[in-house]
Amino acid sequence: MTTQVLPHSFAQRLRAFYSLTKPRVVSLIVFTAVIGMFLATPGMVPAVTLLAATVGIFFVAGAAAAVNCLVEQKIDAVMKRTQSSR
């Protein structure tokens, strides 16, 4: 079995994509949505529905985080709390 080394630029892009989508925050959003699905259903949530909704919520929340970074770019540059994270 051989191991492929990722090109430097691809690894950087992957790391940037990862941080742009805020996976730690998104996982909390997904967790609360899943809990809400269980509380809203008078039995067990169907597995296909649970999986599809979880994946969909993860993608939508990640996209919202990316759009938020783009929209608030100028604000984050001047805020004391966020200007050092650039």
C-alpha atoms as a PDB file:
ATOM      1  CA  MET A   1       0.000   0.000   0.000  1.00  0.00           C
ATOM      2  CA  THR A   2       1.413   3.370  -1.001  1.00  0.00           C
ATOM      3  CA  THR A   3       0.769   6.678   0.648  1.00  0.00           C
ATOM      4  CA  GLN A   4       0.137   9.767  -1.413  1.00  0.00           C
ATOM      5  CA  VAL A   5       1.334  13.102  -0.166  1.00  0.00           C
ATOM      6  CA  LEU A   6      -1.150  15.908  -0.727  1.00  0.00           C
ATOM      7  CA  PRO A   7       0.156  18.879  -2.674  1.00  0.00           C
ATOM      8  CA  HIS A   8       0.944  21.764  -0.373  1.00  0.00           C
ATOM      9  CA  SER A   9      -1.653  24.034  -1.934  1.00  0.00           C
ATOM     10  CA  PHE A  10      -4.395  21.380  -1.692  1.00  0.00           C
ATOM     11  CA  ALA A  11      -3.639  20.796   1.989  1.00  0.00           C
ATOM     12  CA  GLN A  12      -3.792  24.523   2.614  1.00  0.00           C
ATOM     13  CA  ARG A  13      -7.105  24.776   0.789  1.00  0.00           C
ATOM     14  CA  LEU A  14      -8.504  21.872   2.749  1.00  0.00           C
ATOM     15  CA  ARG A  15      -7.407  23.462   6.031  1.00  0.00           C
ATOM     16  CA  ALA A  16      -8.925  26.803   4.973  1.00  0.00           C
ATOM     17  CA  PHE A  17     -12.186  25.096   3.974  1.00  0.00           C
ATOM     18  CA  TYR A  18     -12.258  23.308   7.329  1.00  0.00           C
ATOM     19  CA  SER A  19     -11.806  26.510   9.323  1.00  0.00           C
ATOM     20  CA  LEU A  20     -14.209  28.458   7.094  1.00  0.00           C
ATOM     21  CA  THR A  21     -17.086  26.058   7.730  1.00  0.00           C
ATOM     22  CA  LYS A  22     -16.603  26.168  11.546  1.00  0.00           C
ATOM     23  CA  PRO A  23     -17.131  22.416  12.164  1.00  0.00           C
ATOM     24  CA  ARG A  24     -17.099  22.715  15.977  1.00  0.00           C
ATOM     25  CA  VAL A  25     -19.930  25.238  15.949  1.00  0.00           C
ATOM     26  CA  VAL A  26     -21.771  23.357  13.217  1.00  0.00           C
ATOM     27  CA  SER A  27     -21.596  20.128  15.218  1.00  0.00           C
ATOM     28  CA  LEU A  28     -23.398  21.857  18.095  1.00  0.00           C
ATOM     29  CA  ILE A  29     -26.092  23.047  15.684  1.00  0.00           C
ATOM     30  CA  VAL A  30     -26.485  19.533  14.295  1.00  0.00           C
ATOM     31  CA  PHE A  31     -26.618  18.062  17.797  1.00  0.00           C
ATOM     32  CA  THR A  32     -29.429  20.364  18.892  1.00  0.00           C
ATOM     33  CA  ALA A  33     -31.333  19.699  15.659  1.00  0.00           C
ATOM     34  CA  VAL A  34     -31.083  15.936  16.171  1.00  0.00           C
ATOM     35  CA  ILE A  35     -32.306  16.273  19.747  1.00  0.00           C
ATOM     36  CA  GLY A  36     -35.198  18.362  18.404  1.00  0.00           C
ATOM     37  CA  MET A  37     -36.068  15.631  15.896  1.00  0.00           C
ATOM     38  CA  PHE A  38     -36.230  13.047  18.674  1.00  0.00           C
ATOM     39  CA  LEU A  39     -38.354  15.307  20.858  1.00  0.00           C
ATOM     40  CA  ALA A  40     -40.746  16.164  18.011  1.00  0.00           C
ATOM     41  CA  THR A  41     -41.405  12.580  16.964  1.00  0.00           C
ATOM     42  CA  PRO A  42     -43.735  10.393  19.052  1.00  0.00           C
ATOM     43  CA  GLY A  43     -41.561   7.337  18.500  1.00  0.00           C
ATOM     44  CA  MET A  44     -38.281   6.622  16.840  1.00  0.00           C
ATOM     45  CA  VAL A  45     -37.166   8.931  14.055  1.00  0.00           C
ATOM     46  CA  PRO A  46     -36.873   6.916  10.823  1.00  0.00           C
ATOM     47  CA  ALA A  47     -33.197   6.201  10.134  1.00  0.00           C
ATOM     48  CA  VAL A  48     -33.259   7.553   6.562  1.00  0.00           C
ATOM     49  CA  THR A  49     -34.911  10.775   7.697  1.00  0.00           C
ATOM     50  CA  LEU A  50     -32.466  11.145  10.577  1.00  0.00           C
ATOM     51  CA  LEU A  51     -29.434  10.609   8.343  1.00  0.00           C
ATOM     52  CA  ALA A  52     -30.650  12.839   5.512  1.00  0.00           C
ATOM     53  CA  ALA A  53     -31.651  15.644   7.877  1.00  0.00           C
ATOM     54  CA  THR A  54     -28.390  15.439   9.813  1.00  0.00           C
ATOM     55  CA  VAL A  55     -26.243  15.607   6.680  1.00  0.00           C
ATOM     56  CA  GLY A  56     -28.390  18.377   5.203  1.00  0.00           C
ATOM     57  CA  ILE A  57     -28.281  20.456   8.367  1.00  0.00           C
ATOM     58  CA  PHE A  58     -24.505  19.985   8.562  1.00  0.00           C
ATOM     59  CA  PHE A  59     -24.026  21.237   4.989  1.00  0.00           C
ATOM     60  CA  VAL A  60     -26.427  24.169   5.349  1.00  0.00           C
ATOM     61  CA  ALA A  61     -24.915  25.276   8.670  1.00  0.00           C
ATOM     62  CA  GLY A  62     -21.404  25.011   7.216  1.00  0.00           C
ATOM     63  CA  ALA A  63     -22.428  27.090   4.214  1.00  0.00           C
ATOM     64  CA  ALA A  64     -24.015  29.676   6.518  1.00  0.00           C
ATOM     65  CA  ALA A  65     -20.776  29.875   8.516  1.00  0.00           C
ATOM     66  CA  ALA A  66     -18.798  30.449   5.311  1.00  0.00           C
ATOM     67  CA  VAL A  67     -21.189  33.175   4.131  1.00  0.00           C
ATOM     68  CA  ASN A  68     -21.019  34.751   7.590  1.00  0.00           C
ATOM     69  CA  CYS A  69     -17.213  34.923   7.349  1.00  0.00           C
ATOM     70  CA  LEU A  70     -17.502  36.629   3.991  1.00  0.00           C
ATOM     71  CA  VAL A  71     -20.177  39.113   5.045  1.00  0.00           C
ATOM     72  CA  GLU A  72     -18.515  40.076   8.322  1.00  0.00           C
ATOM     73  CA  GLN A  73     -14.970  40.266   6.971  1.00  0.00           C
ATOM     74  CA  LYS A  74     -14.705  44.055   7.329  1.00  0.00           C
ATOM     75  CA  ILE A  75     -16.346  44.071  10.767  1.00  0.00           C
ATOM     76  CA  ASP A  76     -14.044  41.325  12.048  1.00  0.00           C
ATOM     77  CA  ALA A  77     -10.988  43.252  10.846  1.00  0.00           C
ATOM     78  CA  VAL A  78     -11.727  46.172  13.182  1.00  0.00           C
ATOM     79  CA  MET A  79     -13.162  44.351  16.204  1.00  0.00           C
ATOM     80  CA  LYS A  80     -10.594  43.854  18.952  1.00  0.00           C
ATOM     81  CA  ARG A  81     -11.781  40.313  19.704  1.00  0.00           C
ATOM     82  CA  THR A  82     -11.593  39.079  16.108  1.00  0.00           C
ATOM     83  CA  GLN A  83      -8.814  41.091  14.471  1.00  0.00           C
ATOM     84  CA  SER A  84      -6.051  38.821  15.820  1.00  0.00           C
ATOM     85  CA  SER A  85      -7.666  35.673  14.353  1.00  0.00           C
ATOM     86  CA  ARG A  86      -6.911  36.751  10.780  1.00  0.00           C
END
